[in-house]
Amino acid sequence: MADHAVSDDPQVQAQLDRLWSLSPGADILGLERITRLLERLDDPHRRLPPVFHVAGTNGKGSTCAFLRAALEADGKTVHVFTSPHLVRFNERIRIAGKLIDDAMLAAYLARVLDVAEGIGASFFEVTTAAAFLAFAEHDADACIIEVGLGGRLDATNVIVDPVVCGIAQLGIDHQAFLGDTLPVIAAEKAGIAKPGAPLVTQRYDATLAPVMQDAADRAGTRWLAMGDAWDAAVYRDRVHYRDEQGHVDVPMPRLPGAHQVQNVALAIAMLRHQQAVPVSEAALKAAPLWAHWPARLQRLEHGPLLAALPDAAEAWLDGGHNEAAGQAISAFFTADRLHSRQIQLVIGMLANKDMDAYLAPFGGRIAHVHALPVPGHDHHPPERFAAVAARWGIGCTAHDGPQAAIAAIAQDAAHAQDAAPIILIAGSLYMAGEILRLNGQLPD
């Protein structure tokens, strides 16, 4: 099913069913179809508020969250387009700060699908067109657009005049579409560069510098890299940012994980290297505390799914699924945080993800692996997780769903004499959405 796109609203579901019937049923890259589709809609992508365009392997969604937080802290209204959704399709499109409502979503999808015949547009291309149409027809001070996949051939890359482009962390993922080496992947991401729009990036290995510089030169813009044009570091529990304009220090991000420092710094750099939407220093200082981005090292509430666990149990949710994500997530679970405990790992992962690379950093920190399917998608079988657990000298149990996994952990905790368990539910954003639904924590 297309990104598990379902809705409780009959009008929205009717349009999602139309979308599924017209879609080629697979991710496809290229700008020809989206360009033809937008032409039939009078090119709404040329009538957007000032656009902040963000790409990256990991961290682009968090960077978008920090951008939105800063802009809204300054009193600005902001359109936001992100993907994938976790629970409701509406999460992808935020109009002037609010999630698109069902009636409006159904209407915009219908308008796009009414003119889509014969184009063969993908699920994501139709969604992108609907978002751009909605954004063009509603006033806002700024527009934040997250790349869906890659950059150069992503449907969002029809944007012609962003005010700034940003690239977050780079890593190996989606190899079938983007290639299997970092230079090739970096070139695809840097393909969002546009004339006159600064290309602001995090710090990368020196081998990628020629790739980034070439992309900027071809686009006719400046490449502004962390560690060169700007920089940031943590000192006394504050993030200290500097560039040619000066210095600003902001609070540590509320979003957990040391990697979020890089993401908030990238957002600040993007904001400070464009002039279309001025943002005050006070708003920059508010952004790290205002930003919220679910299913990224999110501490779960003691909701319906977790009700059987001891009150002192901790449950964390993260949808990361590649090697770099595994490194960032495992680094969060330090010895001080674990307090001599080991993690109960509840995991499901798509079959096209490198499970071994993702899990490698967790060695020695896992007490037991609870393997889950990812319904509706090809996923790694429990035997694959069991093989990793065997190498680590621990057990692995297969469950048919998250409720069974949590019930097993709760039962073991009830008979244990040691501290309450710490649980990490990980490996898939699709599964993360189901976890949030079952626990009554719908993204807003």
Protein backbone atom coordinates (compact mmCIF):
# COMPACT_ATOMS: atom_id res chain seq x y z
CA MET A 1 0.00 0.00 0.00
CA ALA A 2 1.33 3.47 -0.88
CA ASP A 3 3.25 4.47 2.22
CA HIS A 4 0.42 2.99 4.32
CA ALA A 5 -1.76 5.94 3.26
CA VAL A 6 -5.10 5.38 4.93
CA SER A 7 -7.57 7.80 6.45
CA ASP A 8 -10.57 7.63 8.77
CA ASP A 9 -12.20 10.34 6.65
CA PRO A 10 -14.21 8.82 3.76
CA GLN A 11 -13.51 11.75 1.40
CA VAL A 12 -9.77 11.58 1.98
CA GLN A 13 -9.77 7.79 1.66
CA ALA A 14 -11.65 8.03 -1.63
CA GLN A 15 -8.89 10.25 -3.05
CA LEU A 16 -6.14 8.02 -1.62
CA ASP A 17 -7.81 5.07 -3.34
CA ARG A 18 -7.81 7.03 -6.61
CA LEU A 19 -4.16 7.89 -6.08
CA TRP A 20 -3.26 4.27 -5.48
CA SER A 21 -5.11 3.12 -8.60
CA LEU A 22 -3.36 5.71 -10.83
CA SER A 23 0.11 5.44 -9.30
CA PRO A 24 2.73 3.17 -10.89
CA GLY A 25 3.04 1.55 -7.46
CA ALA A 26 6.74 2.18 -6.90
CA ASP A 27 9.11 5.00 -6.11
CA ILE A 28 10.35 6.57 -9.33
CA LEU A 29 12.68 9.53 -9.67
CA GLY A 30 12.73 12.25 -12.33
CA LEU A 31 11.28 15.70 -12.92
CA GLU A 32 9.37 15.14 -16.17
CA ARG A 33 6.13 13.82 -14.64
CA ILE A 34 5.93 16.33 -11.79
CA THR A 35 6.69 19.16 -14.23
CA ARG A 36 3.85 18.10 -16.56
CA LEU A 37 1.49 17.70 -13.62
CA LEU A 38 2.29 21.15 -12.23
CA GLU A 39 1.88 22.72 -15.67
CA ARG A 40 -1.71 21.44 -15.72
CA LEU A 41 -2.21 23.19 -12.35
CA ASP A 42 -0.81 26.54 -13.57
CA ASP A 43 2.62 25.99 -11.99
CA PRO A 44 1.88 26.58 -8.30
CA HIS A 45 5.54 25.87 -7.41
CA ARG A 46 6.39 29.24 -8.97
CA ARG A 47 4.02 31.06 -6.62
CA LEU A 48 5.26 29.87 -3.23
CA PRO A 49 6.37 31.98 -0.28
CA PRO A 50 10.17 32.10 0.27
CA VAL A 51 11.35 28.48 0.22
CA PHE A 52 13.85 26.77 2.55
CA HIS A 53 14.77 23.50 0.78
CA VAL A 54 16.36 20.73 2.89
CA ALA A 55 18.00 17.45 1.84
CA GLY A 56 20.14 14.85 3.64
CA THR A 57 20.31 11.18 4.54
CA ASN A 58 19.54 11.69 8.24
CA GLY A 59 18.51 14.82 10.08
CA LYS A 60 16.66 16.68 7.34
CA GLY A 61 13.31 16.33 9.12
CA SER A 62 14.77 17.55 12.41
CA THR A 63 16.40 20.46 10.59
CA CYS A 64 13.00 21.36 9.15
CA ALA A 65 11.54 21.22 12.66
CA PHE A 66 14.19 23.65 13.95
CA LEU A 67 13.61 25.98 10.98
CA ARG A 68 9.89 26.01 11.64
CA ALA A 69 10.40 26.58 15.37
CA ALA A 70 12.66 29.58 14.77
CA LEU A 71 10.38 31.15 12.18
CA GLU A 72 7.26 30.67 14.30
CA ALA A 73 9.03 31.94 17.41
CA ASP A 74 9.56 35.14 15.43
CA GLY A 75 5.84 35.40 14.69
CA LYS A 76 6.05 34.11 11.12
CA THR A 77 3.50 31.85 9.48
CA VAL A 78 5.05 28.81 7.82
CA HIS A 79 3.98 26.17 5.30
CA VAL A 80 5.77 22.82 5.75
CA PHE A 81 6.00 19.76 3.50
CA THR A 82 7.67 16.65 4.98
CA SER A 83 7.58 12.89 4.49
CA PRO A 84 6.78 10.21 5.28
CA HIS A 85 3.80 10.53 7.57
CA LEU A 86 3.72 8.44 10.73
CA VAL A 87 0.01 7.93 11.47
CA ARG A 88 -2.10 10.28 9.34
CA PHE A 89 -1.44 11.35 5.76
CA ASN A 90 -2.27 14.94 6.83
CA GLU A 91 1.07 15.14 8.68
CA ARG A 92 2.84 15.70 5.36
CA ILE A 93 1.24 19.08 4.70
CA ARG A 94 1.17 21.92 7.21
CA ILE A 95 -0.53 25.14 6.07
CA ALA A 96 0.41 28.32 7.93
CA GLY A 97 1.47 26.26 10.93
CA LYS A 98 -1.49 23.86 11.11
CA LEU A 99 -1.87 20.36 9.72
CA ILE A 100 -4.11 20.36 6.67
CA ASP A 101 -7.65 19.30 7.63
CA ASP A 102 -9.42 16.39 6.02
CA ALA A 103 -11.83 18.43 3.87
CA MET A 104 -9.03 20.56 2.45
CA LEU A 105 -6.76 17.56 1.91
CA ALA A 106 -9.46 15.67 0.01
CA ALA A 107 -10.17 18.72 -2.14
CA TYR A 108 -6.53 19.32 -3.09
CA LEU A 109 -5.87 15.66 -3.85
CA ALA A 110 -9.00 15.61 -6.03
CA ARG A 111 -7.89 18.70 -7.96
CA VAL A 112 -4.51 17.15 -8.68
CA LEU A 113 -5.87 13.73 -9.58
CA ASP A 114 -8.49 15.29 -11.86
CA VAL A 115 -5.71 16.50 -14.16
CA ALA A 116 -3.24 13.63 -13.64
CA GLU A 117 -4.62 11.23 -16.26
CA GLY A 118 -1.98 9.90 -18.62
CA ILE A 119 1.04 11.25 -16.78
CA GLY A 120 1.79 8.18 -14.64
CA ALA A 121 2.65 10.34 -11.65
CA SER A 122 3.84 8.53 -8.53
CA PHE A 123 2.28 8.67 -5.09
CA PHE A 124 4.91 11.17 -3.94
CA GLU A 125 4.61 13.33 -7.06
CA VAL A 126 0.86 13.72 -6.64
CA THR A 127 1.33 14.49 -2.95
CA THR A 128 3.99 17.09 -3.78
CA ALA A 129 1.73 18.74 -6.34
CA ALA A 130 -1.15 18.87 -3.85
CA ALA A 131 1.11 20.48 -1.25
CA PHE A 132 2.46 23.07 -3.66
CA LEU A 133 -1.05 23.92 -4.85
CA ALA A 134 -2.24 24.38 -1.27
CA PHE A 135 0.80 26.49 -0.37
CA ALA A 136 0.38 28.74 -3.41
CA GLU A 137 -3.23 29.45 -2.50
CA HIS A 138 -2.65 30.31 1.16
CA ASP A 139 -0.61 33.18 2.52
CA ALA A 140 2.47 32.52 4.63
CA ASP A 141 5.77 34.18 5.38
CA ALA A 142 7.90 31.15 4.52
CA CYS A 143 7.77 27.64 3.11
CA ILE A 144 9.89 24.72 4.35
CA ILE A 145 10.23 21.86 1.86
CA GLU A 146 11.89 18.56 2.80
CA VAL A 147 13.31 16.47 -0.03
CA GLY A 148 11.62 13.09 -0.30
CA LEU A 149 14.44 10.96 -1.75
CA GLY A 150 17.86 12.09 -2.91
CA GLY A 151 17.61 15.61 -4.28
CA ARG A 152 18.56 16.11 -7.93
CA LEU A 153 15.66 14.05 -9.31
CA ASP A 154 13.29 14.39 -6.35
CA ALA A 155 9.87 15.82 -7.14
CA THR A 156 10.46 18.76 -4.80
CA ASN A 157 13.42 19.86 -6.93
CA VAL A 158 11.14 21.60 -9.42
CA ILE A 159 11.44 24.59 -7.08
CA VAL A 160 13.31 27.19 -9.10
CA ASP A 161 14.22 29.97 -6.65
CA PRO A 162 14.60 28.89 -3.02
CA VAL A 163 16.09 31.48 -0.69
CA VAL A 164 18.51 28.91 0.75
CA CYS A 165 19.23 25.19 0.39
CA GLY A 166 20.50 23.00 3.22
CA ILE A 167 21.97 19.50 3.36
CA ALA A 168 22.07 17.60 6.64
CA GLN A 169 24.08 14.44 7.45
CA LEU A 170 25.12 12.22 4.54
CA GLY A 171 25.23 8.43 4.70
CA ILE A 172 24.51 5.25 2.80
CA ASP A 173 20.79 4.61 2.22
CA HIS A 174 18.38 4.03 -0.70
CA GLN A 175 21.27 2.60 -2.73
CA ALA A 176 18.96 1.32 -5.47
CA PHE A 177 18.05 4.92 -6.30
CA LEU A 178 21.05 6.99 -5.23
CA GLY A 179 24.11 4.76 -5.63
CA ASP A 180 26.23 2.96 -3.06
CA THR A 181 29.14 5.33 -2.48
CA LEU A 182 29.15 8.60 -0.55
CA PRO A 183 30.48 10.75 -3.42
CA VAL A 184 27.66 9.56 -5.70
CA ILE A 185 25.05 10.05 -2.97
CA ALA A 186 26.47 13.48 -2.11
CA ALA A 187 26.18 14.54 -5.76
CA GLU A 188 22.52 13.51 -5.79
CA LYS A 189 21.78 15.46 -2.60
CA ALA A 190 23.71 18.52 -3.79
CA GLY A 191 21.57 18.52 -6.93
CA ILE A 192 19.12 20.78 -5.08
CA ALA A 193 21.57 23.70 -5.41
CA LYS A 194 20.06 26.69 -7.26
CA PRO A 195 21.44 29.97 -8.63
CA GLY A 196 21.83 32.61 -5.95
CA ALA A 197 20.56 30.39 -3.12
CA PRO A 198 23.39 29.61 -0.67
CA LEU A 199 24.08 25.88 -0.35
CA VAL A 200 24.54 25.41 3.40
CA THR A 201 25.79 22.03 4.60
CA GLN A 202 27.05 20.18 7.62
CA ARG A 203 30.70 19.16 7.88
CA TYR A 204 31.64 16.27 5.59
CA ASP A 205 34.71 14.18 4.89
CA ALA A 206 37.28 16.03 2.81
CA THR A 207 36.75 13.60 -0.07
CA LEU A 208 33.27 15.09 -0.61
CA ALA A 209 34.49 18.69 -0.90
CA PRO A 210 35.03 18.52 -4.69
CA VAL A 211 31.52 17.11 -5.13
CA MET A 212 29.89 19.89 -3.13
CA GLN A 213 31.97 22.63 -4.68
CA ASP A 214 31.23 21.35 -8.18
CA ALA A 215 27.48 21.31 -7.46
CA ALA A 216 27.61 24.88 -6.16
CA ASP A 217 29.69 26.07 -9.11
CA ARG A 218 27.36 24.44 -11.63
CA ALA A 219 24.34 26.05 -9.96
CA GLY A 220 25.99 29.45 -9.70
CA THR A 221 25.93 29.77 -5.94
CA ARG A 222 28.15 29.60 -2.85
CA TRP A 223 28.86 26.44 -0.87
CA LEU A 224 28.83 27.31 2.84
CA ALA A 225 30.12 24.34 4.82
CA MET A 226 30.24 23.83 8.56
CA GLY A 227 33.82 24.27 9.72
CA ASP A 228 34.50 26.79 6.98
CA ALA A 229 31.83 29.46 6.40
CA TRP A 230 30.22 28.77 9.79
CA ASP A 231 30.70 26.52 12.80
CA ALA A 232 29.11 25.43 16.06
CA ALA A 233 30.27 23.72 19.24
CA VAL A 234 28.90 22.85 22.66
CA TYR A 235 30.35 24.71 25.63
CA ARG A 236 28.88 24.74 29.14
CA ASP A 237 25.62 23.18 27.98
CA ARG A 238 25.02 25.79 25.28
CA VAL A 239 25.38 25.58 21.51
CA HIS A 240 27.77 28.32 20.38
CA TYR A 241 27.33 29.24 16.74
CA ARG A 242 29.54 31.60 14.73
CA ASP A 243 29.79 32.89 11.17
CA GLU A 244 31.03 36.03 9.41
CA GLN A 245 28.13 37.97 10.93
CA GLY A 246 29.17 37.16 14.48
CA HIS A 247 28.31 34.80 17.31
CA VAL A 248 25.11 33.55 18.90
CA ASP A 249 24.68 30.99 21.65
CA VAL A 250 21.47 29.02 22.04
CA PRO A 251 20.16 26.38 24.48
CA MET A 252 20.86 22.71 23.89
CA PRO A 253 18.11 21.16 21.74
CA ARG A 254 15.17 19.62 23.54
CA LEU A 255 15.22 16.84 20.94
CA PRO A 256 17.42 14.10 22.45
CA GLY A 257 20.75 13.02 20.99
CA ALA A 258 24.07 14.73 20.42
CA HIS A 259 23.43 14.68 16.67
CA GLN A 260 20.65 17.24 17.12
CA VAL A 261 23.30 19.88 17.84
CA GLN A 262 24.41 19.57 14.22
CA ASN A 263 20.83 19.84 12.98
CA VAL A 264 19.94 22.94 14.99
CA ALA A 265 23.22 24.55 13.92
CA LEU A 266 22.41 23.83 10.27
CA ALA A 267 18.99 25.45 10.69
CA ILE A 268 20.58 28.53 12.25
CA ALA A 269 23.13 28.73 9.44
CA MET A 270 20.39 28.51 6.81
CA LEU A 271 18.38 31.26 8.48
CA ARG A 272 21.40 33.56 8.85
CA HIS A 273 22.58 33.12 5.26
CA GLN A 274 19.40 34.34 3.59
CA GLN A 275 17.77 37.78 3.60
CA ALA A 276 14.22 37.10 2.41
CA VAL A 277 12.83 36.25 5.86
CA PRO A 278 14.65 38.07 8.69
CA VAL A 279 14.71 36.18 11.99
CA SER A 280 15.64 37.71 15.34
CA GLU A 281 18.32 36.36 17.65
CA ALA A 282 15.63 35.79 20.28
CA ALA A 283 13.82 33.45 17.88
CA LEU A 284 17.03 31.53 17.19
CA LYS A 285 17.43 31.04 20.94
CA ALA A 286 13.84 29.78 21.25
CA ALA A 287 14.05 27.28 18.40
CA PRO A 288 16.05 24.51 20.15
CA LEU A 289 13.43 24.37 22.90
CA TRP A 290 10.34 24.75 20.70
CA ALA A 291 11.15 22.14 18.06
CA HIS A 292 9.33 18.83 18.18
CA TRP A 293 9.83 15.92 15.77
CA PRO A 294 8.13 12.62 16.66
CA ALA A 295 9.69 9.16 16.36
CA ARG A 296 13.23 10.52 16.60
CA LEU A 297 14.52 9.38 19.99
CA GLN A 298 11.09 10.14 21.36
CA ARG A 299 10.42 9.13 24.96
CA LEU A 300 7.04 7.45 24.90
CA GLU A 301 4.33 8.24 27.41
CA HIS A 302 2.94 5.51 29.64
CA GLY A 303 0.01 5.11 27.26
CA PRO A 304 -2.22 2.18 26.30
CA LEU A 305 0.53 0.18 24.56
CA LEU A 306 2.88 0.48 27.54
CA ALA A 307 0.29 0.22 30.31
CA ALA A 308 1.49 -3.21 31.50
CA LEU A 309 5.07 -2.00 32.06
CA PRO A 310 6.32 -0.85 35.46
CA ASP A 311 5.95 2.89 36.03
CA ALA A 312 9.72 3.28 36.15
CA ALA A 313 10.24 1.66 32.74
CA GLU A 314 11.59 3.82 29.94
CA ALA A 315 10.50 3.32 26.35
CA TRP A 316 12.14 5.18 23.47
CA LEU A 317 11.03 5.28 19.85
CA ASP A 318 13.17 6.00 16.79
CA GLY A 319 12.48 5.31 13.13
CA GLY A 320 16.12 5.48 11.99
CA HIS A 321 17.16 2.57 9.78
CA ASN A 322 20.69 3.04 8.38
CA GLU A 323 24.25 2.81 9.65
CA ALA A 324 24.57 6.48 10.61
CA ALA A 325 21.25 6.36 12.45
CA GLY A 326 22.40 3.31 14.39
CA GLN A 327 25.56 5.14 15.43
CA ALA A 328 23.64 8.23 16.55
CA ILE A 329 20.99 6.29 18.46
CA SER A 330 23.42 3.95 20.18
CA ALA A 331 25.56 6.93 21.23
CA PHE A 332 22.53 8.32 23.08
CA PHE A 333 22.38 5.27 25.34
CA THR A 334 25.49 5.99 27.35
CA ALA A 335 26.54 4.12 30.48
CA ASP A 336 25.24 7.01 32.59
CA ARG A 337 21.82 6.78 30.94
CA LEU A 338 21.59 3.00 31.18
CA HIS A 339 22.62 2.81 34.85
CA SER A 340 23.98 -0.73 34.45
CA ARG A 341 20.87 -1.81 32.56
CA GLN A 342 20.82 -3.22 29.05
CA ILE A 343 18.30 -2.42 26.37
CA GLN A 344 15.29 -4.49 25.43
CA LEU A 345 15.39 -3.95 21.66
CA VAL A 346 12.05 -4.15 19.84
CA ILE A 347 12.85 -3.98 16.14
CA GLY A 348 11.38 -4.41 12.68
CA MET A 349 13.18 -3.35 9.52
CA LEU A 350 12.50 -3.27 5.81
CA ALA A 351 14.32 -5.94 3.80
CA ASN A 352 16.16 -3.35 1.71
CA LYS A 353 17.87 -1.84 4.76
CA ASP A 354 21.33 -2.90 5.97
CA MET A 355 20.31 -4.46 9.25
CA ASP A 356 23.84 -5.54 10.23
CA ALA A 357 25.29 -2.06 9.71
CA TYR A 358 22.47 -0.49 11.70
CA LEU A 359 22.81 -2.91 14.63
CA ALA A 360 26.61 -3.05 14.83
CA PRO A 361 27.00 -0.04 17.18
CA PHE A 362 24.60 -1.60 19.71
CA GLY A 363 26.83 -4.58 20.50
CA GLY A 364 27.18 -5.09 24.26
CA ARG A 365 24.20 -2.83 25.10
CA ILE A 366 21.30 -5.15 24.25
CA ALA A 367 19.79 -7.60 26.73
CA HIS A 368 17.31 -9.24 24.35
CA VAL A 369 16.06 -8.74 20.80
CA HIS A 370 12.33 -8.77 20.07
CA ALA A 371 11.86 -9.18 16.31
CA LEU A 372 8.74 -7.77 14.63
CA PRO A 373 7.32 -7.78 11.10
CA VAL A 374 6.61 -4.52 9.26
CA PRO A 375 3.11 -5.20 7.90
CA GLY A 376 2.55 -4.37 4.26
CA HIS A 377 6.25 -4.27 3.42
CA ASP A 378 9.02 -6.76 2.68
CA HIS A 379 10.95 -6.97 5.92
CA HIS A 380 13.81 -8.87 7.50
CA PRO A 381 12.63 -12.20 8.93
CA PRO A 382 13.16 -13.00 12.62
CA GLU A 383 15.91 -15.45 11.71
CA ARG A 384 18.10 -12.54 10.60
CA PHE A 385 17.72 -10.82 13.95
CA ALA A 386 18.26 -14.12 15.75
CA ALA A 387 21.58 -14.56 13.94
CA VAL A 388 22.80 -11.18 15.20
CA ALA A 389 21.58 -11.95 18.71
CA ALA A 390 23.44 -15.28 18.63
CA ARG A 391 26.67 -13.49 17.72
CA TRP A 392 26.12 -11.24 20.72
CA GLY A 393 25.36 -14.20 22.98
CA ILE A 394 21.82 -13.06 23.81
CA GLY A 395 18.32 -14.28 23.06
CA CYS A 396 15.89 -13.29 20.33
CA THR A 397 12.12 -13.74 20.35
CA ALA A 398 9.84 -13.33 17.34
CA HIS A 399 6.48 -11.63 17.93
CA ASP A 400 3.57 -11.00 15.60
CA GLY A 401 3.21 -7.38 16.68
CA PRO A 402 4.34 -4.71 19.16
CA GLN A 403 1.65 -5.55 21.71
CA ALA A 404 3.04 -9.08 22.09
CA ALA A 405 6.59 -7.78 22.42
CA ILE A 406 5.65 -5.28 25.13
CA ALA A 407 3.60 -7.93 26.94
CA ALA A 408 6.61 -10.27 27.00
CA ILE A 409 8.88 -7.53 28.35
CA ALA A 410 6.29 -6.61 30.99
CA GLN A 411 5.96 -10.23 32.08
CA ASP A 412 9.72 -10.59 32.45
CA ALA A 413 9.90 -7.30 34.36
CA ALA A 414 7.24 -8.49 36.79
CA HIS A 415 9.45 -11.42 37.81
CA ALA A 416 12.77 -9.59 37.76
CA GLN A 417 14.51 -8.29 40.84
CA ASP A 418 16.64 -5.70 39.03
CA ALA A 419 15.80 -2.22 37.78
CA ALA A 420 12.85 -1.46 35.51
CA PRO A 421 13.57 -2.12 31.83
CA ILE A 422 14.72 0.38 29.25
CA ILE A 423 13.17 -0.31 25.85
CA LEU A 424 14.15 0.89 22.41
CA ILE A 425 11.59 0.44 19.63
CA ALA A 426 13.45 0.98 16.39
CA GLY A 427 14.22 0.20 12.77
CA SER A 428 11.31 1.59 10.74
CA LEU A 429 9.30 4.81 10.47
CA TYR A 430 6.35 2.72 9.26
CA MET A 431 6.43 0.71 12.47
CA ALA A 432 7.02 3.87 14.50
CA GLY A 433 3.73 5.27 13.24
CA GLU A 434 1.91 2.15 14.41
CA ILE A 435 3.56 2.43 17.82
CA LEU A 436 2.38 6.02 18.22
CA ARG A 437 -1.15 5.06 17.15
CA LEU A 438 -1.31 2.14 19.58
CA ASN A 439 0.01 4.31 22.40
CA GLY A 440 -2.41 7.15 21.73
CA GLN A 441 0.29 9.68 20.80
CA LEU A 442 -0.82 11.01 17.43
CA PRO A 443 1.51 13.64 15.90
CA ASP A 444 -0.07 17.09 15.85
